[in-house]
Amino acid sequence: QTFFSTPSDTTKFLNLVSFRPFADTADAVSAATACMEGKVSKSLKSFLKKQLGGKKSKKGDSLAVADKALAVSLNEKLMS
């Protein structure tokens, strides 16, 4: 079964909580490159710390990351 075959199917499982556009094209390219290398860019770290840092995690909330290297980097950066 495909859970994400249509936008309406997707919204049954995922909710967009927050969005912040990149400052400029250079920031977007830098963040994309870092993600492809399994690294956490400054803008991503800042965004996630703001969204996850000061709040107590609600039961059931999670951050899904498909790339193992990026997941490890996120865990290291956000837990430090």
PDB file of N, CA and C in Angstrom:
ATOM      1  N   GLN A   1       0.845  -1.181   0.000  1.00  0.00           N
ATOM      2  CA  GLN A   1       0.000   0.000   0.000  1.00  0.00           C
ATOM      3  C   GLN A   1       0.887   1.239   0.000  1.00  0.00           C
ATOM      4  N   THR A   2       0.522   2.226  -0.793  1.00  0.00           N
ATOM      5  CA  THR A   2       1.261   3.474  -0.851  1.00  0.00           C
ATOM      6  C   THR A   2       0.559   4.519   0.008  1.00  0.00           C
ATOM      7  N   PHE A   3       1.237   4.974   1.043  1.00  0.00           N
ATOM      8  CA  PHE A   3       0.642   5.928   1.973  1.00  0.00           C
ATOM      9  C   PHE A   3       0.685   7.364   1.460  1.00  0.00           C
ATOM     10  N   PHE A   4       1.621   7.678   0.601  1.00  0.00           N
ATOM     11  CA  PHE A   4       1.827   9.055   0.168  1.00  0.00           C
ATOM     12  C   PHE A   4       1.572   9.232  -1.320  1.00  0.00           C
ATOM     13  N   SER A   5       0.596   8.532  -1.856  1.00  0.00           N
ATOM     14  CA  SER A   5       0.357   8.587  -3.297  1.00  0.00           C
ATOM     15  C   SER A   5      -0.310   9.891  -3.729  1.00  0.00           C
ATOM     16  N   THR A   6      -1.058  10.526  -2.864  1.00  0.00           N
ATOM     17  CA  THR A   6      -1.694  11.812  -3.182  1.00  0.00           C
ATOM     18  C   THR A   6      -1.481  12.777  -2.023  1.00  0.00           C
ATOM     19  N   PRO A   7      -1.587  14.077  -2.271  1.00  0.00           N
ATOM     20  CA  PRO A   7      -1.448  15.041  -1.172  1.00  0.00           C
ATOM     21  C   PRO A   7      -2.445  14.799  -0.033  1.00  0.00           C
ATOM     22  N   SER A   8      -3.662  14.427  -0.370  1.00  0.00           N
ATOM     23  CA  SER A   8      -4.647  14.197   0.697  1.00  0.00           C
ATOM     24  C   SER A   8      -4.293  12.969   1.535  1.00  0.00           C
ATOM     25  N   ASP A   9      -3.712  11.937   0.909  1.00  0.00           N
ATOM     26  CA  ASP A   9      -3.249  10.777   1.665  1.00  0.00           C
ATOM     27  C   ASP A   9      -2.094  11.158   2.587  1.00  0.00           C
ATOM     28  N   THR A  10      -1.228  12.000   2.100  1.00  0.00           N
ATOM     29  CA  THR A  10      -0.060  12.421   2.870  1.00  0.00           C
ATOM     30  C   THR A  10      -0.470  13.174   4.126  1.00  0.00           C
ATOM     31  N   THR A  11      -1.453  14.057   4.025  1.00  0.00           N
ATOM     32  CA  THR A  11      -1.860  14.852   5.187  1.00  0.00           C
ATOM     33  C   THR A  11      -2.511  14.013   6.285  1.00  0.00           C
ATOM     34  N   LYS A  12      -2.863  12.791   5.978  1.00  0.00           N
ATOM     35  CA  LYS A  12      -3.385  11.904   7.016  1.00  0.00           C
ATOM     36  C   LYS A  12      -2.271  11.460   7.967  1.00  0.00           C
ATOM     37  N   PHE A  13      -1.021  11.509   7.491  1.00  0.00           N
ATOM     38  CA  PHE A  13       0.105  11.011   8.264  1.00  0.00           C
ATOM     39  C   PHE A  13       1.089  12.088   8.703  1.00  0.00           C
ATOM     40  N   LEU A  14       1.147  13.190   7.959  1.00  0.00           N
ATOM     41  CA  LEU A  14       2.127  14.236   8.239  1.00  0.00           C
ATOM     42  C   LEU A  14       1.453  15.595   8.370  1.00  0.00           C
ATOM     43  N   ASN A  15       2.020  16.418   9.257  1.00  0.00           N
ATOM     44  CA  ASN A  15       1.554  17.801   9.394  1.00  0.00           C
ATOM     45  C   ASN A  15       2.751  18.722   9.327  1.00  0.00           C
ATOM     46  N   LEU A  16       2.661  19.771   8.522  1.00  0.00           N
ATOM     47  CA  LEU A  16       3.714  20.774   8.481  1.00  0.00           C
ATOM     48  C   LEU A  16       3.544  21.662   9.706  1.00  0.00           C
ATOM     49  N   VAL A  17       4.559  21.686  10.553  1.00  0.00           N
ATOM     50  CA  VAL A  17       4.478  22.440  11.791  1.00  0.00           C
ATOM     51  C   VAL A  17       5.092  23.817  11.619  1.00  0.00           C
ATOM     52  N   SER A  18       6.185  23.879  10.882  1.00  0.00           N
ATOM     53  CA  SER A  18       6.876  25.148  10.720  1.00  0.00           C
ATOM     54  C   SER A  18       7.639  25.153   9.397  1.00  0.00           C
ATOM     55  N   PHE A  19       7.892  26.350   8.897  1.00  0.00           N
ATOM     56  CA  PHE A  19       8.629  26.516   7.646  1.00  0.00           C
ATOM     57  C   PHE A  19       9.431  27.797   7.741  1.00  0.00           C
ATOM     58  N   ARG A  20      10.676  27.761   7.292  1.00  0.00           N
ATOM     59  CA  ARG A  20      11.492  28.972   7.213  1.00  0.00           C
ATOM     60  C   ARG A  20      12.232  28.945   5.888  1.00  0.00           C
ATOM     61  N   PRO A  21      12.018  29.950   5.041  1.00  0.00           N
ATOM     62  CA  PRO A  21      12.719  29.969   3.750  1.00  0.00           C
ATOM     63  C   PRO A  21      14.222  30.229   3.951  1.00  0.00           C
ATOM     64  N   PHE A  22      14.999  29.816   2.970  1.00  0.00           N
ATOM     65  CA  PHE A  22      16.429  30.087   3.024  1.00  0.00           C
ATOM     66  C   PHE A  22      16.667  31.576   2.856  1.00  0.00           C
ATOM     67  N   ALA A  23      17.776  32.053   3.407  1.00  0.00           N
ATOM     68  CA  ALA A  23      18.109  33.468   3.326  1.00  0.00           C
ATOM     69  C   ALA A  23      18.372  33.881   1.876  1.00  0.00           C
ATOM     70  N   ASP A  24      19.042  33.013   1.127  1.00  0.00           N
ATOM     71  CA  ASP A  24      19.348  33.292  -0.272  1.00  0.00           C
ATOM     72  C   ASP A  24      19.737  31.986  -0.956  1.00  0.00           C
ATOM     73  N   THR A  25      20.070  32.068  -2.225  1.00  0.00           N
ATOM     74  CA  THR A  25      20.417  30.878  -2.995  1.00  0.00           C
ATOM     75  C   THR A  25      21.662  30.193  -2.448  1.00  0.00           C
ATOM     76  N   ALA A  26      22.644  30.975  -2.034  1.00  0.00           N
ATOM     77  CA  ALA A  26      23.884  30.399  -1.501  1.00  0.00           C
ATOM     78  C   ALA A  26      23.595  29.582  -0.237  1.00  0.00           C
ATOM     79  N   ASP A  27      22.712  30.079   0.606  1.00  0.00           N
ATOM     80  CA  ASP A  27      22.331  29.350   1.820  1.00  0.00           C
ATOM     81  C   ASP A  27      21.632  28.045   1.459  1.00  0.00           C
ATOM     82  N   ALA A  28      20.758  28.081   0.465  1.00  0.00           N
ATOM     83  CA  ALA A  28      20.039  26.871   0.024  1.00  0.00           C
ATOM     84  C   ALA A  28      21.010  25.833  -0.541  1.00  0.00           C
ATOM     85  N   VAL A  29      21.940  26.263  -1.366  1.00  0.00           N
ATOM     86  CA  VAL A  29      22.918  25.343  -1.964  1.00  0.00           C
ATOM     87  C   VAL A  29      23.819  24.752  -0.879  1.00  0.00           C
ATOM     88  N   SER A  30      24.244  25.577   0.058  1.00  0.00           N
ATOM     89  CA  SER A  30      25.088  25.113   1.148  1.00  0.00           C
ATOM     90  C   SER A  30      24.355  24.081   2.005  1.00  0.00           C
ATOM     91  N   ALA A  31      23.098  24.331   2.322  1.00  0.00           N
ATOM     92  CA  ALA A  31      22.307  23.398   3.129  1.00  0.00           C
ATOM     93  C   ALA A  31      22.069  22.091   2.373  1.00  0.00           C
ATOM     94  N   ALA A  32      21.767  22.174   1.090  1.00  0.00           N
ATOM     95  CA  ALA A  32      21.539  20.966   0.292  1.00  0.00           C
ATOM     96  C   ALA A  32      22.814  20.133   0.185  1.00  0.00           C
ATOM     97  N   THR A  33      23.932  20.795  -0.016  1.00  0.00           N
ATOM     98  CA  THR A  33      25.216  20.102  -0.108  1.00  0.00           C
ATOM     99  C   THR A  33      25.548  19.399   1.207  1.00  0.00           C
ATOM    100  N   ALA A  34      25.333  20.097   2.307  1.00  0.00           N
ATOM    101  CA  ALA A  34      25.588  19.504   3.622  1.00  0.00           C
ATOM    102  C   ALA A  34      24.723  18.266   3.835  1.00  0.00           C
ATOM    103  N   CYS A  35      23.457  18.351   3.495  1.00  0.00           N
ATOM    104  CA  CYS A  35      22.553  17.200   3.651  1.00  0.00           C
ATOM    105  C   CYS A  35      23.007  16.020   2.809  1.00  0.00           C
ATOM    106  N   MET A  36      23.424  16.288   1.578  1.00  0.00           N
ATOM    107  CA  MET A  36      23.880  15.206   0.704  1.00  0.00           C
ATOM    108  C   MET A  36      25.141  14.547   1.245  1.00  0.00           C
ATOM    109  N   GLU A  37      25.930  15.302   2.009  1.00  0.00           N
ATOM    110  CA  GLU A  37      27.163  14.770   2.601  1.00  0.00           C
ATOM    111  C   GLU A  37      26.908  14.184   3.995  1.00  0.00           C
ATOM    112  N   GLY A  38      25.651  14.176   4.422  1.00  0.00           N
ATOM    113  CA  GLY A  38      25.322  13.643   5.741  1.00  0.00           C
ATOM    114  C   GLY A  38      25.694  14.581   6.874  1.00  0.00           C
ATOM    115  N   LYS A  39      25.792  15.860   6.582  1.00  0.00           N
ATOM    116  CA  LYS A  39      26.172  16.863   7.580  1.00  0.00           C
ATOM    117  C   LYS A  39      24.991  17.783   7.857  1.00  0.00           C
ATOM    118  N   VAL A  40      25.033  18.464   8.984  1.00  0.00           N
ATOM    119  CA  VAL A  40      23.978  19.388   9.376  1.00  0.00           C
ATOM    120  C   VAL A  40      24.456  20.813   9.122  1.00  0.00           C
ATOM    121  N   SER A  41      23.741  21.548   8.275  1.00  0.00           N
ATOM    122  CA  SER A  41      24.117  22.934   8.001  1.00  0.00           C
ATOM    123  C   SER A  41      23.753  23.817   9.192  1.00  0.00           C
ATOM    124  N   LYS A  42      24.371  24.990   9.261  1.00  0.00           N
ATOM    125  CA  LYS A  42      24.075  25.928  10.344  1.00  0.00           C
ATOM    126  C   LYS A  42      22.603  26.318  10.330  1.00  0.00           C
ATOM    127  N   SER A  43      22.049  26.550   9.144  1.00  0.00           N
ATOM    128  CA  SER A  43      20.651  26.973   9.071  1.00  0.00           C
ATOM    129  C   SER A  43      19.704  25.863   9.530  1.00  0.00           C
ATOM    130  N   LEU A  44      20.005  24.601   9.194  1.00  0.00           N
ATOM    131  CA  LEU A  44      19.165  23.487   9.633  1.00  0.00           C
ATOM    132  C   LEU A  44      19.273  23.297  11.137  1.00  0.00           C
ATOM    133  N   LYS A  45      20.485  23.360  11.668  1.00  0.00           N
ATOM    134  CA  LYS A  45      20.683  23.210  13.107  1.00  0.00           C
ATOM    135  C   LYS A  45      19.930  24.307  13.859  1.00  0.00           C
ATOM    136  N   SER A  46      20.047  25.531  13.394  1.00  0.00           N
ATOM    137  CA  SER A  46      19.361  26.659  14.023  1.00  0.00           C
ATOM    138  C   SER A  46      17.847  26.472  13.987  1.00  0.00           C
ATOM    139  N   PHE A  47      17.338  26.082  12.838  1.00  0.00           N
ATOM    140  CA  PHE A  47      15.896  25.875  12.676  1.00  0.00           C
ATOM    141  C   PHE A  47      15.396  24.778  13.614  1.00  0.00           C
ATOM    142  N   LEU A  48      16.080  23.641  13.624  1.00  0.00           N
ATOM    143  CA  LEU A  48      15.630  22.523  14.447  1.00  0.00           C
ATOM    144  C   LEU A  48      15.765  22.816  15.943  1.00  0.00           C
ATOM    145  N   LYS A  49      16.840  23.488  16.332  1.00  0.00           N
ATOM    146  CA  LYS A  49      16.984  23.846  17.743  1.00  0.00           C
ATOM    147  C   LYS A  49      15.849  24.771  18.169  1.00  0.00           C
ATOM    148  N   LYS A  50      15.486  25.717  17.294  1.00  0.00           N
ATOM    149  CA  LYS A  50      14.389  26.633  17.611  1.00  0.00           C
ATOM    150  C   LYS A  50      13.074  25.868  17.721  1.00  0.00           C
ATOM    151  N   GLN A  51      12.855  24.924  16.820  1.00  0.00           N
ATOM    152  CA  GLN A  51      11.596  24.184  16.809  1.00  0.00           C
ATOM    153  C   GLN A  51      11.529  23.120  17.893  1.00  0.00           C
ATOM    154  N   LEU A  52      12.648  22.474  18.190  1.00  0.00           N
ATOM    155  CA  LEU A  52      12.652  21.342  19.115  1.00  0.00           C
ATOM    156  C   LEU A  52      13.313  21.638  20.447  1.00  0.00           C
ATOM    157  N   GLY A  53      14.198  22.618  20.449  1.00  0.00           N
ATOM    158  CA  GLY A  53      15.049  22.844  21.603  1.00  0.00           C
ATOM    159  C   GLY A  53      14.375  23.224  22.897  1.00  0.00           C
ATOM    160  N   GLY A  54      13.623  24.300  22.908  1.00  0.00           N
ATOM    161  CA  GLY A  54      13.070  24.798  24.153  1.00  0.00           C
ATOM    162  C   GLY A  54      11.775  24.139  24.568  1.00  0.00           C
ATOM    163  N   LYS A  55      11.239  23.292  23.749  1.00  0.00           N
ATOM    164  CA  LYS A  55       9.948  22.675  24.037  1.00  0.00           C
ATOM    165  C   LYS A  55      10.140  21.280  24.604  1.00  0.00           C
ATOM    166  N   LYS A  56       9.256  20.912  25.472  1.00  0.00           N
ATOM    167  CA  LYS A  56       9.231  19.518  25.892  1.00  0.00           C
ATOM    168  C   LYS A  56       8.603  18.736  24.753  1.00  0.00           C
ATOM    169  N   SER A  57       9.204  17.663  24.409  1.00  0.00           N
ATOM    170  CA  SER A  57       8.693  16.850  23.316  1.00  0.00           C
ATOM    171  C   SER A  57       7.355  16.235  23.696  1.00  0.00           C
ATOM    172  N   LYS A  58       6.380  16.413  22.841  1.00  0.00           N
ATOM    173  CA  LYS A  58       5.069  15.808  23.080  1.00  0.00           C
ATOM    174  C   LYS A  58       5.156  14.322  22.785  1.00  0.00           C
ATOM    175  N   LYS A  59       4.438  13.544  23.539  1.00  0.00           N
ATOM    176  CA  LYS A  59       4.449  12.108  23.313  1.00  0.00           C
ATOM    177  C   LYS A  59       3.958  11.824  21.901  1.00  0.00           C
ATOM    178  N   GLY A  60       4.705  11.053  21.171  1.00  0.00           N
ATOM    179  CA  GLY A  60       4.327  10.709  19.809  1.00  0.00           C
ATOM    180  C   GLY A  60       4.991  11.575  18.753  1.00  0.00           C
ATOM    181  N   ASP A  61       5.589  12.706  19.159  1.00  0.00           N
ATOM    182  CA  ASP A  61       6.295  13.539  18.188  1.00  0.00           C
ATOM    183  C   ASP A  61       7.598  12.863  17.802  1.00  0.00           C
ATOM    184  N   SER A  62       7.944  12.958  16.526  1.00  0.00           N
ATOM    185  CA  SER A  62       9.209  12.387  16.082  1.00  0.00           C
ATOM    186  C   SER A  62       9.702  13.111  14.846  1.00  0.00           C
ATOM    187  N   LEU A  63      10.969  12.987  14.591  1.00  0.00           N
ATOM    188  CA  LEU A  63      11.601  13.538  13.402  1.00  0.00           C
ATOM    189  C   LEU A  63      12.120  12.361  12.598  1.00  0.00           C
ATOM    190  N   ALA A  64      11.560  12.144  11.438  1.00  0.00           N
ATOM    191  CA  ALA A  64      11.966  11.032  10.585  1.00  0.00           C
ATOM    192  C   ALA A  64      13.052  11.501   9.626  1.00  0.00           C
ATOM    193  N   VAL A  65      14.139  10.745   9.557  1.00  0.00           N
ATOM    194  CA  VAL A  65      15.252  11.062   8.667  1.00  0.00           C
ATOM    195  C   VAL A  65      15.623   9.783   7.928  1.00  0.00           C
ATOM    196  N   ALA A  66      15.538   9.818   6.613  1.00  0.00           N
ATOM    197  CA  ALA A  66      15.790   8.625   5.812  1.00  0.00           C
ATOM    198  C   ALA A  66      17.278   8.309   5.662  1.00  0.00           C
ATOM    199  N   ASP A  67      18.116   9.337   5.634  1.00  0.00           N
ATOM    200  CA  ASP A  67      19.544   9.138   5.426  1.00  0.00           C
ATOM    201  C   ASP A  67      20.238   8.852   6.758  1.00  0.00           C
ATOM    202  N   LYS A  68      20.894   7.692   6.861  1.00  0.00           N
ATOM    203  CA  LYS A  68      21.512   7.274   8.119  1.00  0.00           C
ATOM    204  C   LYS A  68      22.599   8.247   8.569  1.00  0.00           C
ATOM    205  N   ALA A  69      23.454   8.678   7.663  1.00  0.00           N
ATOM    206  CA  ALA A  69      24.547   9.586   8.027  1.00  0.00           C
ATOM    207  C   ALA A  69      23.993  10.915   8.543  1.00  0.00           C
ATOM    208  N   LEU A  70      22.973  11.427   7.887  1.00  0.00           N
ATOM    209  CA  LEU A  70      22.360  12.688   8.327  1.00  0.00           C
ATOM    210  C   LEU A  70      21.674  12.496   9.676  1.00  0.00           C
ATOM    211  N   ALA A  71      21.024  11.364   9.876  1.00  0.00           N
ATOM    212  CA  ALA A  71      20.360  11.082  11.155  1.00  0.00           C
ATOM    213  C   ALA A  71      21.373  11.065  12.303  1.00  0.00           C
ATOM    214  N   VAL A  72      22.525  10.429  12.067  1.00  0.00           N
ATOM    215  CA  VAL A  72      23.573  10.387  13.089  1.00  0.00           C
ATOM    216  C   VAL A  72      24.076  11.796  13.378  1.00  0.00           C
ATOM    217  N   SER A  73      24.319  12.584  12.333  1.00  0.00           N
ATOM    218  CA  SER A  73      24.799  13.957  12.511  1.00  0.00           C
ATOM    219  C   SER A  73      23.780  14.806  13.262  1.00  0.00           C
ATOM    220  N   LEU A  74      22.505  14.653  12.911  1.00  0.00           N
ATOM    221  CA  LEU A  74      21.453  15.406  13.608  1.00  0.00           C
ATOM    222  C   LEU A  74      21.405  15.029  15.079  1.00  0.00           C
ATOM    223  N   ASN A  75      21.481  13.762  15.359  1.00  0.00           N
ATOM    224  CA  ASN A  75      21.459  13.309  16.738  1.00  0.00           C
ATOM    225  C   ASN A  75      22.625  13.898  17.530  1.00  0.00           C
ATOM    226  N   GLU A  76      23.797  13.899  16.932  1.00  0.00           N
ATOM    227  CA  GLU A  76      24.983  14.452  17.598  1.00  0.00           C
ATOM    228  C   GLU A  76      24.842  15.950  17.825  1.00  0.00           C
ATOM    229  N   LYS A  77      24.409  16.683  16.806  1.00  0.00           N
ATOM    230  CA  LYS A  77      24.319  18.143  16.889  1.00  0.00           C
ATOM    231  C   LYS A  77      23.208  18.605  17.821  1.00  0.00           C
ATOM    232  N   LEU A  78      22.080  17.926  17.783  1.00  0.00           N
ATOM    233  CA  LEU A  78      20.941  18.377  18.574  1.00  0.00           C
ATOM    234  C   LEU A  78      21.016  17.931  20.027  1.00  0.00           C
ATOM    235  N   MET A  79      21.739  16.859  20.280  1.00  0.00           N
ATOM    236  CA  MET A  79      21.849  16.384  21.655  1.00  0.00           C
ATOM    237  C   MET A  79      23.046  16.993  22.392  1.00  0.00           C
ATOM    238  N   SER A  80      23.862  17.759  21.691  1.00  0.00           N
ATOM    239  CA  SER A  80      25.038  18.352  22.341  1.00  0.00           C
ATOM    240  C   SER A  80      24.749  19.735  22.880  1.00  0.00           C
TER     241      SER A  80
END
